[in-house]
């Protein structure tokens, strides 16, 4: 009787003989690395069952995700007419600015000259700005110069006054030698 008590507790001494293996239930996974869904449904001890009268609501949440993809296109269809109506009404809807095609060559040349002066001034006055590895960009570039000259980096690449040095964080701007 003392040996049987030691085997039952298993905490004080290791058992001399392994207990007989029981056949796993049919629903139990055969490998220890079974997916979590299968493990949750493996045995009644692991996955508690609802009382017989409440089986219906337990299955309802499983059907809810199937309806969600059908609802998503409906919401998108509702938003599209609202955006179109705002654009037609002109009620302050922001439109992304693109380079102006109607700007004269003189306007572009003047904007390029002003941008070059502003970049040179910024590079000389704010030398520590680029120490972090990010480029110096004038604060007024997006509003004043981008509509006429395009993106900042492309402008720098076209300009003979500046050189771009690539680094891990992006690039830095330097005066051409």
N, C-alpha and C. Protein backbone atom coordinates (compact mmCIF):
# COMPACT_ATOMS: atom_id res chain seq x y z
N UNK A 1 0.82 -1.20 0.00
CA UNK A 1 0.00 0.00 0.00
C UNK A 1 0.85 1.26 0.00
N UNK A 2 2.03 1.32 0.70
CA UNK A 2 2.83 2.54 0.66
C UNK A 2 3.39 2.80 -0.73
N UNK A 3 3.73 1.78 -1.48
CA UNK A 3 4.25 2.00 -2.83
C UNK A 3 3.17 2.57 -3.73
N UNK A 4 1.97 2.14 -3.57
CA UNK A 4 0.86 2.65 -4.39
C UNK A 4 0.59 4.11 -4.06
N UNK A 5 0.72 4.49 -2.81
CA UNK A 5 0.49 5.88 -2.43
C UNK A 5 1.58 6.76 -3.01
N UNK A 6 2.82 6.28 -3.06
CA UNK A 6 3.92 7.05 -3.64
C UNK A 6 3.75 7.25 -5.13
N UNK A 7 3.22 6.24 -5.81
CA UNK A 7 3.00 6.38 -7.25
C UNK A 7 1.87 7.36 -7.54
N UNK A 8 0.87 7.38 -6.71
CA UNK A 8 -0.27 8.26 -6.94
C UNK A 8 0.13 9.71 -6.77
N UNK A 9 0.94 10.02 -5.76
CA UNK A 9 1.32 11.41 -5.56
C UNK A 9 2.40 11.82 -6.54
N UNK A 10 3.42 11.00 -6.73
CA UNK A 10 4.46 11.26 -7.70
C UNK A 10 5.35 12.43 -7.36
N UNK A 11 5.18 13.04 -6.21
CA UNK A 11 5.95 14.23 -5.88
C UNK A 11 7.21 13.88 -5.10
N UNK A 12 7.12 12.90 -4.18
CA UNK A 12 8.26 12.64 -3.31
C UNK A 12 9.33 11.80 -3.97
N UNK A 13 8.99 10.71 -4.61
CA UNK A 13 9.98 9.85 -5.25
C UNK A 13 9.51 9.49 -6.65
N UNK A 14 10.45 9.29 -7.55
CA UNK A 14 10.03 8.92 -8.91
C UNK A 14 9.50 7.49 -8.90
N UNK A 15 8.50 7.20 -9.70
CA UNK A 15 7.93 5.85 -9.75
C UNK A 15 8.91 4.89 -10.40
N UNK A 16 8.88 3.64 -9.93
CA UNK A 16 9.78 2.63 -10.48
C UNK A 16 9.26 2.10 -11.81
N UNK A 17 7.96 2.04 -11.94
CA UNK A 17 7.37 1.57 -13.19
C UNK A 17 6.46 2.66 -13.73
N UNK A 18 6.46 2.80 -15.03
CA UNK A 18 5.58 3.79 -15.64
C UNK A 18 4.15 3.28 -15.57
N UNK A 19 3.20 4.17 -15.31
CA UNK A 19 1.81 3.72 -15.29
C UNK A 19 1.39 3.28 -16.69
N UNK A 20 0.45 2.37 -16.78
CA UNK A 20 0.02 1.90 -18.10
C UNK A 20 -0.59 3.05 -18.90
N UNK A 21 -0.25 3.11 -20.19
CA UNK A 21 -0.76 4.18 -21.05
C UNK A 21 -2.19 3.88 -21.45
N UNK A 22 -2.98 4.94 -21.44
CA UNK A 22 -4.36 4.79 -21.88
C UNK A 22 -4.44 5.26 -23.33
N UNK A 23 -5.33 4.67 -24.07
CA UNK A 23 -5.51 5.07 -25.46
C UNK A 23 -6.11 6.47 -25.47
N UNK A 24 -5.57 7.35 -26.32
CA UNK A 24 -6.11 8.72 -26.37
C UNK A 24 -7.52 8.71 -26.95
N UNK A 25 -8.34 9.66 -26.52
CA UNK A 25 -9.69 9.75 -27.11
C UNK A 25 -9.59 10.03 -28.60
N UNK A 26 -10.63 9.72 -29.32
CA UNK A 26 -10.63 9.89 -30.78
C UNK A 26 -10.48 11.36 -31.17
N UNK A 27 -10.95 12.26 -30.34
CA UNK A 27 -10.91 13.68 -30.67
C UNK A 27 -9.57 14.33 -30.31
N UNK A 28 -8.76 13.66 -29.50
CA UNK A 28 -7.51 14.25 -29.04
C UNK A 28 -6.48 14.28 -30.17
N UNK A 29 -5.64 15.31 -30.22
CA UNK A 29 -4.59 15.37 -31.24
C UNK A 29 -3.55 14.29 -30.98
N UNK A 30 -2.97 13.78 -32.04
CA UNK A 30 -1.99 12.70 -31.91
C UNK A 30 -0.59 13.22 -31.67
N UNK A 31 -0.31 14.47 -32.00
CA UNK A 31 1.03 15.03 -31.80
C UNK A 31 0.97 16.09 -30.72
N UNK A 32 2.07 16.30 -29.99
CA UNK A 32 2.06 17.33 -28.95
C UNK A 32 2.04 18.74 -29.52
N UNK A 33 2.37 18.93 -30.80
CA UNK A 33 2.40 20.27 -31.40
C UNK A 33 1.17 20.52 -32.26
N UNK A 34 0.04 20.08 -31.84
CA UNK A 34 -1.19 20.28 -32.60
C UNK A 34 -1.60 21.74 -32.53
N UNK A 35 -2.29 22.26 -33.54
CA UNK A 35 -2.75 23.65 -33.51
C UNK A 35 -3.66 23.90 -32.32
N UNK A 36 -3.75 25.15 -31.92
CA UNK A 36 -4.52 25.51 -30.75
C UNK A 36 -6.00 25.21 -30.90
N UNK A 37 -6.55 25.37 -32.08
CA UNK A 37 -7.97 25.11 -32.29
C UNK A 37 -8.28 23.65 -32.01
N UNK A 38 -7.44 22.75 -32.49
CA UNK A 38 -7.66 21.33 -32.26
C UNK A 38 -7.47 21.01 -30.79
N UNK A 39 -6.50 21.62 -30.14
CA UNK A 39 -6.25 21.36 -28.73
C UNK A 39 -7.41 21.84 -27.88
N UNK A 40 -8.05 22.94 -28.25
CA UNK A 40 -9.17 23.46 -27.49
C UNK A 40 -10.38 22.56 -27.60
N UNK A 41 -10.53 21.84 -28.70
CA UNK A 41 -11.67 20.96 -28.91
C UNK A 41 -11.33 19.51 -28.59
N UNK A 42 -10.17 19.24 -28.02
CA UNK A 42 -9.69 17.88 -27.86
C UNK A 42 -10.52 17.07 -26.88
N UNK A 43 -10.69 17.52 -25.67
CA UNK A 43 -11.39 16.73 -24.67
C UNK A 43 -12.39 17.60 -23.93
N UNK A 44 -13.36 16.97 -23.29
CA UNK A 44 -14.32 17.77 -22.52
C UNK A 44 -13.66 18.54 -21.39
N UNK A 45 -12.55 18.04 -20.84
CA UNK A 45 -11.87 18.76 -19.76
C UNK A 45 -11.26 20.06 -20.27
N UNK A 46 -10.74 20.04 -21.49
CA UNK A 46 -10.09 21.22 -22.04
C UNK A 46 -11.09 22.22 -22.60
N UNK A 47 -12.12 21.74 -23.24
CA UNK A 47 -13.11 22.63 -23.84
C UNK A 47 -14.46 22.35 -23.22
N UNK A 48 -14.92 23.17 -22.27
CA UNK A 48 -16.22 22.93 -21.65
C UNK A 48 -17.34 23.08 -22.67
N UNK A 49 -18.35 22.24 -22.49
CA UNK A 49 -19.48 22.28 -23.41
C UNK A 49 -20.62 23.04 -22.77
N UNK A 50 -21.41 23.70 -23.58
CA UNK A 50 -22.57 24.43 -23.09
C UNK A 50 -23.69 23.44 -22.81
N UNK A 51 -24.60 23.79 -21.94
CA UNK A 51 -25.75 22.92 -21.70
C UNK A 51 -26.51 22.68 -23.00
N UNK A 52 -27.26 21.59 -23.09
CA UNK A 52 -27.93 21.25 -24.35
C UNK A 52 -28.85 22.34 -24.87
N UNK A 53 -29.47 23.12 -24.02
CA UNK A 53 -30.39 24.17 -24.48
C UNK A 53 -29.67 25.40 -25.02
N UNK A 54 -28.38 25.56 -24.75
CA UNK A 54 -27.65 26.76 -25.14
C UNK A 54 -26.66 26.52 -26.26
N UNK A 55 -26.82 25.47 -27.04
CA UNK A 55 -25.88 25.19 -28.12
C UNK A 55 -26.02 26.19 -29.27
N UNK A 56 -27.20 26.73 -29.49
CA UNK A 56 -27.44 27.67 -30.59
C UNK A 56 -26.61 28.94 -30.47
N UNK A 57 -26.65 29.66 -29.35
CA UNK A 57 -25.87 30.89 -29.24
C UNK A 57 -24.37 30.67 -29.33
N UNK A 58 -23.90 29.50 -28.91
CA UNK A 58 -22.47 29.24 -28.99
C UNK A 58 -22.01 29.16 -30.44
N UNK A 59 -22.86 28.75 -31.35
CA UNK A 59 -22.49 28.65 -32.75
C UNK A 59 -22.69 29.97 -33.48
N UNK A 60 -23.48 30.88 -32.96
CA UNK A 60 -23.76 32.14 -33.63
C UNK A 60 -22.51 32.99 -33.84
N UNK A 61 -21.59 33.14 -32.87
CA UNK A 61 -20.40 33.96 -33.12
C UNK A 61 -19.53 33.41 -34.24
N UNK A 62 -19.56 32.12 -34.48
CA UNK A 62 -18.76 31.56 -35.56
C UNK A 62 -19.28 32.04 -36.91
N UNK A 63 -20.56 32.33 -37.03
CA UNK A 63 -21.12 32.80 -38.29
C UNK A 63 -20.95 34.31 -38.47
N UNK A 64 -20.74 35.05 -37.40
CA UNK A 64 -20.63 36.50 -37.48
C UNK A 64 -19.44 36.96 -38.33
N UNK A 65 -18.24 36.38 -38.22
CA UNK A 65 -17.14 36.83 -39.08
C UNK A 65 -17.41 36.61 -40.56
N UNK A 66 -18.23 35.63 -40.90
CA UNK A 66 -18.54 35.40 -42.31
C UNK A 66 -19.35 36.56 -42.88
N UNK A 67 -20.14 37.24 -42.04
CA UNK A 67 -20.95 38.36 -42.51
C UNK A 67 -20.14 39.65 -42.62
N UNK A 68 -19.07 39.76 -41.86
CA UNK A 68 -18.28 40.98 -41.84
C UNK A 68 -17.72 41.35 -43.21
N UNK A 69 -17.17 40.43 -44.02
CA UNK A 69 -16.69 40.82 -45.34
C UNK A 69 -17.80 41.33 -46.25
N UNK A 70 -19.03 40.86 -46.06
CA UNK A 70 -20.13 41.33 -46.89
C UNK A 70 -20.51 42.76 -46.52
N UNK A 71 -20.35 43.13 -45.24
CA UNK A 71 -20.70 44.47 -44.81
C UNK A 71 -19.67 45.51 -45.22
N UNK A 72 -18.42 45.12 -45.35
CA UNK A 72 -17.36 46.06 -45.68
C UNK A 72 -17.60 46.76 -47.03
N UNK A 73 -17.95 46.07 -48.11
CA UNK A 73 -18.21 46.78 -49.36
C UNK A 73 -19.39 47.74 -49.26
N UNK A 74 -20.39 47.41 -48.45
CA UNK A 74 -21.53 48.31 -48.29
C UNK A 74 -21.10 49.62 -47.67
N UNK A 75 -20.22 49.55 -46.66
CA UNK A 75 -19.73 50.77 -46.02
C UNK A 75 -18.91 51.60 -46.99
N UNK A 76 -18.10 50.94 -47.80
CA UNK A 76 -17.29 51.67 -48.77
C UNK A 76 -18.17 52.35 -49.81
N UNK A 77 -19.26 51.69 -50.19
CA UNK A 77 -20.18 52.28 -51.16
C UNK A 77 -20.88 53.50 -50.58
N UNK A 78 -21.16 53.49 -49.28
CA UNK A 78 -21.80 54.63 -48.65
C UNK A 78 -20.86 55.82 -48.54
N UNK A 79 -19.57 55.55 -48.30
CA UNK A 79 -18.60 56.63 -48.15
C UNK A 79 -18.28 57.30 -49.48
N UNK A 80 -18.27 56.55 -50.56
CA UNK A 80 -17.92 57.10 -51.86
C UNK A 80 -18.87 58.21 -52.29
N UNK A 81 -20.20 58.06 -52.18
CA UNK A 81 -21.08 59.17 -52.56
C UNK A 81 -20.89 60.41 -51.70
N UNK A 82 -20.56 60.22 -50.42
CA UNK A 82 -20.33 61.38 -49.55
C UNK A 82 -19.12 62.17 -50.01
N UNK A 83 -18.05 61.47 -50.38
CA UNK A 83 -16.84 62.15 -50.85
C UNK A 83 -17.11 62.87 -52.16
N UNK A 84 -17.86 62.24 -53.04
CA UNK A 84 -18.18 62.87 -54.32
C UNK A 84 -19.03 64.11 -54.10
N UNK A 85 -19.97 64.04 -53.17
CA UNK A 85 -20.82 65.19 -52.89
C UNK A 85 -20.01 66.34 -52.30
N UNK A 86 -19.06 66.03 -51.42
CA UNK A 86 -18.22 67.07 -50.85
C UNK A 86 -17.36 67.74 -51.91
N UNK A 87 -16.86 66.96 -52.83
CA UNK A 87 -16.02 67.52 -53.88
C UNK A 87 -16.84 68.42 -54.80
N UNK A 88 -18.07 68.01 -55.11
CA UNK A 88 -18.93 68.83 -55.98
C UNK A 88 -19.36 70.10 -55.27
N UNK A 89 -19.68 70.00 -53.98
CA UNK A 89 -20.14 71.15 -53.23
C UNK A 89 -19.01 72.12 -52.94
N UNK A 90 -17.79 71.62 -52.92
CA UNK A 90 -16.64 72.48 -52.65
C UNK A 90 -16.63 72.96 -51.21
N UNK A 91 -17.02 72.11 -50.29
CA UNK A 91 -17.12 72.50 -48.89
C UNK A 91 -15.81 72.30 -48.15
N UNK A 92 -14.72 72.77 -48.72
CA UNK A 92 -13.44 72.73 -48.03
C UNK A 92 -12.72 71.40 -48.13
N UNK A 93 -13.12 70.54 -49.04
CA UNK A 93 -12.43 69.26 -49.18
C UNK A 93 -11.03 69.51 -49.71
N UNK A 94 -10.04 68.90 -49.07
CA UNK A 94 -8.65 69.12 -49.49
C UNK A 94 -8.33 68.24 -50.68
N UNK A 95 -7.73 68.84 -51.67
CA UNK A 95 -7.30 68.12 -52.86
C UNK A 95 -5.78 68.13 -52.85
N UNK A 96 -5.13 66.97 -53.01
CA UNK A 96 -3.66 66.95 -52.99
C UNK A 96 -3.09 67.83 -54.09
N UNK A 97 -2.07 68.60 -53.74
CA UNK A 97 -1.49 69.52 -54.71
C UNK A 97 -0.53 68.77 -55.63
N UNK A 98 -0.64 69.05 -56.90
CA UNK A 98 0.24 68.46 -57.91
C UNK A 98 1.03 69.59 -58.56
N UNK A 99 2.15 69.28 -59.19
CA UNK A 99 2.91 70.33 -59.86
C UNK A 99 2.04 71.04 -60.90
N UNK A 100 2.09 72.37 -60.91
CA UNK A 100 1.28 73.15 -61.84
C UNK A 100 1.85 73.04 -63.25
N UNK A 101 1.03 72.67 -64.18
CA UNK A 101 1.47 72.53 -65.56
C UNK A 101 1.42 73.88 -66.28
N UNK A 102 0.65 74.84 -65.73
CA UNK A 102 0.48 76.13 -66.40
C UNK A 102 1.51 77.17 -65.98
N UNK A 103 2.45 76.82 -65.12
CA UNK A 103 3.46 77.78 -64.69
C UNK A 103 4.41 78.06 -65.86
N UNK A 104 4.71 79.32 -66.04
CA UNK A 104 5.60 79.70 -67.14
C UNK A 104 7.05 79.34 -66.79
N UNK A 105 7.90 79.19 -67.78
CA UNK A 105 9.31 78.89 -67.52
C UNK A 105 9.98 79.97 -66.67
N UNK A 106 9.55 81.23 -66.83
CA UNK A 106 10.13 82.31 -66.03
C UNK A 106 9.78 82.14 -64.55
N UNK A 107 8.52 81.75 -64.29
CA UNK A 107 8.10 81.55 -62.90
C UNK A 107 8.88 80.39 -62.26
N UNK A 108 9.07 79.35 -63.02
CA UNK A 108 9.82 78.20 -62.50
C UNK A 108 11.29 78.57 -62.26
N UNK A 109 11.87 79.33 -63.16
CA UNK A 109 13.27 79.73 -62.99
C UNK A 109 13.42 80.62 -61.76
N UNK A 110 12.49 81.54 -61.55
CA UNK A 110 12.53 82.41 -60.38
C UNK A 110 12.34 81.60 -59.09
N UNK A 111 11.41 80.64 -59.10
CA UNK A 111 11.19 79.79 -57.93
C UNK A 111 12.43 78.94 -57.65
N UNK A 112 13.09 78.45 -58.68
CA UNK A 112 14.30 77.64 -58.51
C UNK A 112 15.42 78.49 -57.90
N UNK A 113 15.54 79.75 -58.35
CA UNK A 113 16.56 80.64 -57.81
C UNK A 113 16.30 80.92 -56.33
N UNK A 114 15.04 81.21 -55.99
CA UNK A 114 14.69 81.48 -54.60
C UNK A 114 14.90 80.24 -53.72
N UNK A 115 14.51 79.07 -54.24
CA UNK A 115 14.69 77.83 -53.48
C UNK A 115 16.16 77.55 -53.24
N UNK A 116 16.99 77.78 -54.26
CA UNK A 116 18.43 77.55 -54.13
C UNK A 116 19.02 78.46 -53.06
N UNK A 117 18.62 79.73 -53.06
CA UNK A 117 19.10 80.67 -52.04
C UNK A 117 18.66 80.24 -50.64
N UNK A 118 17.41 79.83 -50.52
CA UNK A 118 16.89 79.43 -49.21
C UNK A 118 17.59 78.16 -48.70
N UNK A 119 17.85 77.22 -49.58
CA UNK A 119 18.53 75.98 -49.17
C UNK A 119 19.97 76.29 -48.75
N UNK A 120 20.66 77.12 -49.53
CA UNK A 120 22.04 77.49 -49.18
C UNK A 120 22.09 78.20 -47.83
N UNK A 121 21.15 79.13 -47.61
CA UNK A 121 21.10 79.85 -46.35
C UNK A 121 20.83 78.88 -45.20
N UNK A 122 19.90 77.96 -45.39
CA UNK A 122 19.58 76.98 -44.34
C UNK A 122 20.74 76.05 -44.03
N UNK A 123 21.47 75.64 -45.06
CA UNK A 123 22.62 74.75 -44.83
C UNK A 123 23.73 75.46 -44.07
N UNK A 124 23.92 76.77 -44.33
CA UNK A 124 24.99 77.49 -43.64
C UNK A 124 24.59 77.87 -42.22
N UNK A 125 23.32 78.21 -41.99
CA UNK A 125 22.88 78.64 -40.67
C UNK A 125 22.56 77.47 -39.75
N UNK A 126 22.10 76.39 -40.29
CA UNK A 126 21.65 75.25 -39.47
C UNK A 126 22.45 74.00 -39.82
N UNK A 127 23.70 74.04 -39.53
CA UNK A 127 24.58 72.92 -39.88
C UNK A 127 24.28 71.67 -39.07
N UNK A 128 23.80 71.83 -37.84
CA UNK A 128 23.56 70.68 -36.98
C UNK A 128 22.28 69.93 -37.34
N UNK A 129 21.46 70.49 -38.19
CA UNK A 129 20.19 69.85 -38.54
C UNK A 129 20.42 68.48 -39.17
N UNK A 130 21.43 68.35 -39.99
CA UNK A 130 21.68 67.10 -40.73
C UNK A 130 22.56 66.11 -39.96
N UNK A 131 22.97 66.45 -38.75
CA UNK A 131 23.81 65.53 -37.97
C UNK A 131 23.10 64.22 -37.67
N UNK A 132 21.78 64.23 -37.63
CA UNK A 132 21.02 63.01 -37.35
C UNK A 132 20.92 62.10 -38.57
N UNK A 133 21.37 62.59 -39.73
CA UNK A 133 21.33 61.78 -40.95
C UNK A 133 20.14 62.10 -41.84
N UNK A 134 19.27 62.99 -41.40
CA UNK A 134 18.11 63.39 -42.19
C UNK A 134 18.41 64.68 -42.93
N UNK A 135 17.81 64.91 -44.09
CA UNK A 135 18.15 66.09 -44.88
C UNK A 135 17.54 67.37 -44.33
N UNK A 136 18.19 68.48 -44.65
CA UNK A 136 17.62 69.80 -44.37
C UNK A 136 16.58 70.08 -45.45
N UNK A 137 15.36 70.40 -45.03
CA UNK A 137 14.29 70.76 -45.96
C UNK A 137 13.72 72.09 -45.49
N UNK A 138 13.68 73.10 -46.35
CA UNK A 138 13.10 74.39 -45.95
C UNK A 138 11.64 74.22 -45.53
N UNK A 139 11.22 74.94 -44.51
CA UNK A 139 9.85 74.82 -44.01
C UNK A 139 8.82 75.23 -45.06
N UNK A 140 9.19 76.12 -45.96
CA UNK A 140 8.24 76.62 -46.95
C UNK A 140 8.25 75.81 -48.24
N UNK A 141 9.00 74.72 -48.30
CA UNK A 141 9.12 73.97 -49.55
C UNK A 141 7.77 73.44 -50.02
N UNK A 142 7.01 72.84 -49.14
CA UNK A 142 5.76 72.18 -49.55
C UNK A 142 4.75 73.18 -50.12
N UNK A 143 4.65 74.36 -49.53
CA UNK A 143 3.64 75.32 -49.98
C UNK A 143 4.12 76.18 -51.15
N UNK A 144 5.34 76.68 -51.06
CA UNK A 144 5.81 77.63 -52.06
C UNK A 144 6.45 76.98 -53.28
N UNK A 145 7.32 76.01 -53.05
CA UNK A 145 8.16 75.53 -54.15
C UNK A 145 7.69 74.21 -54.77
N UNK A 146 7.11 73.33 -54.00
CA UNK A 146 6.74 72.03 -54.54
C UNK A 146 5.73 72.12 -55.69
N UNK A 147 4.72 73.00 -55.63
CA UNK A 147 3.80 73.09 -56.77
C UNK A 147 4.49 73.50 -58.08
N UNK A 148 5.57 74.27 -57.98
CA UNK A 148 6.26 74.72 -59.19
C UNK A 148 7.43 73.82 -59.58
N UNK A 149 8.15 73.30 -58.58
CA UNK A 149 9.41 72.60 -58.85
C UNK A 149 9.35 71.09 -58.65
N UNK A 150 8.29 70.59 -58.05
CA UNK A 150 8.20 69.14 -57.81
C UNK A 150 8.80 68.75 -56.48
N UNK A 151 9.13 67.48 -56.34
CA UNK A 151 9.63 66.98 -55.06
C UNK A 151 11.02 67.56 -54.76
N UNK A 152 11.32 67.64 -53.47
CA UNK A 152 12.57 68.24 -53.00
C UNK A 152 13.78 67.46 -53.49
N UNK A 153 13.74 66.16 -53.35
CA UNK A 153 14.90 65.34 -53.73
C UNK A 153 15.16 65.42 -55.24
N UNK A 154 14.12 65.38 -56.04
CA UNK A 154 14.31 65.47 -57.49
C UNK A 154 14.87 66.83 -57.88
N UNK A 155 14.43 67.87 -57.17
CA UNK A 155 14.98 69.20 -57.44
C UNK A 155 16.47 69.22 -57.13
N UNK A 156 16.86 68.63 -56.00
CA UNK A 156 18.28 68.60 -55.63
C UNK A 156 19.10 67.81 -56.64
N UNK A 157 18.55 66.72 -57.15
CA UNK A 157 19.27 65.91 -58.13
C UNK A 157 19.47 66.66 -59.44
N UNK A 158 18.49 67.48 -59.82
CA UNK A 158 18.61 68.25 -61.07
C UNK A 158 19.52 69.46 -60.92
N UNK A 159 19.64 69.97 -59.70
CA UNK A 159 20.38 71.20 -59.48
C UNK A 159 21.89 70.94 -59.46
N UNK A 160 22.66 71.77 -60.17
CA UNK A 160 24.12 71.61 -60.15
C UNK A 160 24.75 72.20 -58.88
N UNK A 161 23.96 72.92 -58.07
CA UNK A 161 24.49 73.57 -56.87
C UNK A 161 24.59 72.64 -55.66
N UNK A 162 23.91 71.49 -55.70
CA UNK A 162 23.83 70.61 -54.53
C UNK A 162 24.24 69.19 -54.88
N UNK A 163 24.69 68.49 -53.85
CA UNK A 163 24.97 67.06 -53.99
C UNK A 163 24.25 66.32 -52.87
N UNK A 164 23.87 65.10 -53.15
CA UNK A 164 23.15 64.27 -52.18
C UNK A 164 24.08 63.16 -51.73
N UNK A 165 24.17 62.97 -50.42
CA UNK A 165 24.99 61.90 -49.86
C UNK A 165 24.05 60.91 -49.17
N UNK A 166 24.04 59.67 -49.66
CA UNK A 166 23.18 58.62 -49.09
C UNK A 166 23.76 58.16 -47.76
N UNK A 167 22.87 57.80 -46.83
CA UNK A 167 23.29 57.21 -45.55
C UNK A 167 22.22 56.24 -45.09
N UNK A 168 22.41 55.66 -43.92
CA UNK A 168 21.48 54.65 -43.42
C UNK A 168 20.09 55.20 -43.14
N UNK A 169 20.00 56.44 -42.75
CA UNK A 169 18.71 57.03 -42.41
C UNK A 169 18.05 57.75 -43.58
N UNK A 170 18.67 57.79 -44.72
CA UNK A 170 18.12 58.47 -45.88
C UNK A 170 19.22 59.15 -46.66
N UNK A 171 19.24 60.48 -46.60
CA UNK A 171 20.27 61.23 -47.32
C UNK A 171 20.46 62.58 -46.64
N UNK A 172 21.58 63.22 -46.98
CA UNK A 172 21.84 64.58 -46.53
C UNK A 172 22.19 65.42 -47.74
N UNK A 173 21.99 66.73 -47.61
CA UNK A 173 22.22 67.67 -48.70
C UNK A 173 23.50 68.44 -48.42
N UNK A 174 24.33 68.59 -49.45
CA UNK A 174 25.59 69.33 -49.33
C UNK A 174 25.75 70.22 -50.55
N UNK A 175 26.53 71.29 -50.37
CA UNK A 175 26.84 72.15 -51.50
C UNK A 175 27.79 71.42 -52.43
N UNK A 176 27.57 71.57 -53.72
CA UNK A 176 28.43 70.90 -54.70
C UNK A 176 29.82 71.53 -54.66
N UNK A 177 30.82 70.72 -54.87
CA UNK A 177 32.21 71.22 -54.86
C UNK A 177 32.59 71.88 -56.15
